[in-house]
């Protein structure tokens, strides 16, 4: 089955990394469905049933987003709150739509990797910051496969770096 990549970026038109990743993913519609939340739901009002059916109709799931105030953008948080309902994503009444589904994150971080370190500027690793996502998917019995990260987007936007990141990201998605 195809991989569903849910993209949550508050300003894709100004993005470098996420925009490039989406461009590359869209070249392979037989492998990936790219679902850009801001384009489909500019008002943030989700069609929950449609979103749930979209997840159900795919195999793997990747959530792609920039680290936004050490979290995900608000639209993605709202997607979690609205779409991952009791009886569908979790709970004793069914709630098994993520059971054993491979789930991963593709994130871009504006700051450099060494800043995401116990001895770094922000004192926490990106893995620690992303724990709520891991916990959410473990709670839903998904097969959480960790994350792919691009660090230092504010500092290195060279074509070579962006292209290498894009190649590595698609490789990560393909090998969930």
Protein backbone atom coordinates (compact mmCIF):
# COMPACT_ATOMS: atom_id res chain seq x y z
CA UNK A 1 0.00 0.00 0.00
CA UNK A 2 1.02 3.59 -0.55
CA UNK A 3 2.49 5.76 2.18
CA UNK A 4 0.41 8.71 3.33
CA UNK A 5 2.51 11.80 4.07
CA UNK A 6 0.55 14.38 6.02
CA UNK A 7 2.25 17.75 5.70
CA UNK A 8 1.62 20.52 8.20
CA UNK A 9 3.52 23.69 7.40
CA UNK A 10 2.20 27.14 8.30
CA UNK A 11 3.89 28.83 5.32
CA UNK A 12 4.88 26.31 2.67
CA UNK A 13 5.46 29.05 0.10
CA UNK A 14 8.46 30.33 2.10
CA UNK A 15 9.76 26.90 3.08
CA UNK A 16 12.99 25.53 1.69
CA UNK A 17 13.28 22.02 3.09
CA UNK A 18 9.64 20.96 3.48
CA UNK A 19 8.76 22.45 0.12
CA UNK A 20 11.57 20.52 -1.58
CA UNK A 21 10.62 17.29 0.19
CA UNK A 22 7.01 17.69 -0.98
CA UNK A 23 8.10 18.42 -4.56
CA UNK A 24 10.13 15.22 -4.61
CA UNK A 25 7.46 13.06 -2.97
CA UNK A 26 4.90 14.26 -5.53
CA UNK A 27 7.07 12.87 -8.34
CA UNK A 28 6.10 9.37 -7.18
CA UNK A 29 2.30 9.28 -6.86
CA UNK A 30 2.36 5.51 -7.12
CA UNK A 31 4.30 5.35 -3.84
CA UNK A 32 3.15 8.38 -1.83
CA UNK A 33 0.03 10.41 -1.23
CA UNK A 34 1.00 13.91 -0.13
CA UNK A 35 -1.75 15.50 1.95
CA UNK A 36 -1.08 19.17 2.73
CA UNK A 37 -3.34 20.14 5.60
CA UNK A 38 -3.02 23.92 5.06
CA UNK A 39 -4.14 23.59 1.44
CA UNK A 40 -7.05 21.25 2.13
CA UNK A 41 -8.19 22.92 5.36
CA UNK A 42 -7.13 26.59 5.33
CA UNK A 43 -9.82 27.29 7.94
CA UNK A 44 -8.64 24.41 10.17
CA UNK A 45 -12.04 22.70 10.13
CA UNK A 46 -11.33 19.05 9.43
CA UNK A 47 -13.65 16.60 7.77
CA UNK A 48 -12.89 13.96 10.38
CA UNK A 49 -14.50 11.05 8.53
CA UNK A 50 -12.60 11.93 5.34
CA UNK A 51 -9.31 12.17 7.25
CA UNK A 52 -9.90 8.84 8.96
CA UNK A 53 -10.77 7.13 5.67
CA UNK A 54 -7.61 8.60 4.11
CA UNK A 55 -5.47 7.09 6.86
CA UNK A 56 -7.30 3.76 6.57
CA UNK A 57 -6.73 3.60 2.80
CA UNK A 58 -2.94 3.77 3.16
CA UNK A 59 -0.26 1.59 4.67
CA UNK A 60 2.42 3.64 6.35
CA UNK A 61 1.92 7.15 7.73
CA UNK A 62 4.49 9.94 7.88
CA UNK A 63 3.81 13.28 9.52
CA UNK A 64 5.98 15.99 7.99
CA UNK A 65 6.37 19.37 9.65
CA UNK A 66 8.81 22.03 10.81
CA UNK A 67 9.63 22.14 14.50
CA UNK A 68 7.50 25.05 15.60
CA UNK A 69 8.20 26.41 19.07
CA UNK A 70 9.67 23.00 19.97
CA UNK A 71 6.49 21.27 18.89
CA UNK A 72 4.41 20.80 15.74
CA UNK A 73 2.45 23.59 14.04
CA UNK A 74 -0.98 24.22 15.60
CA UNK A 75 -2.86 22.79 12.60
CA UNK A 76 -1.23 19.39 13.09
CA UNK A 77 -2.02 19.44 16.82
CA UNK A 78 -5.65 20.16 15.91
CA UNK A 79 -5.56 17.26 13.43
CA UNK A 80 -4.50 14.96 16.28
CA UNK A 81 -7.21 16.34 18.57
CA UNK A 82 -9.98 16.06 15.96
CA UNK A 83 -9.06 12.94 13.98
CA UNK A 84 -7.62 10.53 16.54
CA UNK A 85 -10.94 9.78 18.17
CA UNK A 86 -11.92 7.23 20.79
CA UNK A 87 -13.26 4.13 19.09
CA UNK A 88 -11.26 4.83 15.95
CA UNK A 89 -7.62 5.45 16.91
CA UNK A 90 -7.74 4.06 20.44
CA UNK A 91 -10.09 2.69 23.07
CA UNK A 92 -11.88 -0.47 24.05
CA UNK A 93 -14.65 0.01 21.44
CA UNK A 94 -12.66 -0.78 18.30
CA UNK A 95 -10.04 1.92 18.25
CA UNK A 96 -7.55 -0.12 16.28
CA UNK A 97 -6.97 1.85 13.07
CA UNK A 98 -3.32 2.47 13.97
CA UNK A 99 -2.65 -1.02 15.28
CA UNK A 100 0.69 -2.16 13.83
CA UNK A 101 0.63 0.67 11.26
CA UNK A 102 4.13 2.00 10.65
CA UNK A 103 4.22 5.67 11.63
CA UNK A 104 7.13 8.10 11.44
CA UNK A 105 7.95 11.79 11.49
CA UNK A 106 9.81 13.93 8.97
CA UNK A 107 10.84 17.18 10.65
CA UNK A 108 12.87 20.23 9.84
CA UNK A 109 14.57 22.13 12.63
CA UNK A 110 15.78 25.65 12.12
CA UNK A 111 18.54 25.37 14.66
CA UNK A 112 21.62 23.20 14.46
CA UNK A 113 21.90 19.67 15.82
CA UNK A 114 24.41 20.55 18.53
CA UNK A 115 21.85 22.95 20.03
CA UNK A 116 19.54 19.94 20.54
CA UNK A 117 21.75 18.27 23.11
CA UNK A 118 21.78 17.92 26.87
CA UNK A 119 24.80 20.22 26.94
CA UNK A 120 23.56 22.35 24.06
CA UNK A 121 21.74 25.64 23.99
CA UNK A 122 18.28 24.09 24.50
CA UNK A 123 19.34 21.23 26.85
CA UNK A 124 17.14 18.62 25.19
CA UNK A 125 17.59 16.38 22.18
CA UNK A 126 15.12 16.45 19.33
CA UNK A 127 14.26 12.87 20.24
CA UNK A 128 13.24 14.07 23.72
CA UNK A 129 11.20 16.94 22.29
CA UNK A 130 9.35 14.53 19.99
CA UNK A 131 8.42 12.09 22.77
CA UNK A 132 4.73 13.19 22.82
CA UNK A 133 4.37 12.00 19.22
CA UNK A 134 5.98 8.68 20.03
CA UNK A 135 3.74 8.28 23.09
CA UNK A 136 0.62 9.14 21.08
CA UNK A 137 1.33 6.46 18.52
CA UNK A 138 2.36 3.89 21.11
CA UNK A 139 -0.93 4.62 22.86
CA UNK A 140 -2.70 3.88 19.57
CA UNK A 141 -0.72 0.61 19.17
CA UNK A 142 1.07 1.89 16.08
CA UNK A 143 4.53 0.74 15.07
CA UNK A 144 6.35 4.03 15.71
CA UNK A 145 9.46 4.14 13.51
CA UNK A 146 11.10 7.29 14.89
CA UNK A 147 11.92 10.39 12.84
CA UNK A 148 14.02 11.88 10.09
CA UNK A 149 15.34 15.36 10.81
CA UNK A 150 16.95 18.14 8.88
CA UNK A 151 18.85 20.39 11.27
CA UNK A 152 20.09 23.93 10.79
CA UNK A 153 17.63 25.10 8.16
CA UNK A 154 18.27 28.68 9.26
CA UNK A 155 21.99 28.27 8.52
CA UNK A 156 22.49 25.96 5.55
CA UNK A 157 20.13 26.18 2.60
CA UNK A 158 22.70 25.30 -0.03
CA UNK A 159 21.38 23.36 -2.98
CA UNK A 160 23.76 20.50 -2.26
CA UNK A 161 22.62 20.21 1.37
CA UNK A 162 18.93 20.44 0.47
CA UNK A 163 19.24 17.81 -2.26
CA UNK A 164 21.17 15.40 -0.04
CA UNK A 165 18.54 15.84 2.65
CA UNK A 166 15.77 15.17 0.13
CA UNK A 167 17.45 11.98 -1.05
CA UNK A 168 17.96 10.81 2.55
CA UNK A 169 14.37 11.67 3.51
CA UNK A 170 12.86 9.64 0.67
CA UNK A 171 15.17 6.76 1.56
CA UNK A 172 13.94 6.97 5.18
CA UNK A 173 10.29 6.94 4.05
CA UNK A 174 10.87 4.04 1.69
CA UNK A 175 12.52 1.96 4.41
CA UNK A 176 10.01 2.30 7.22
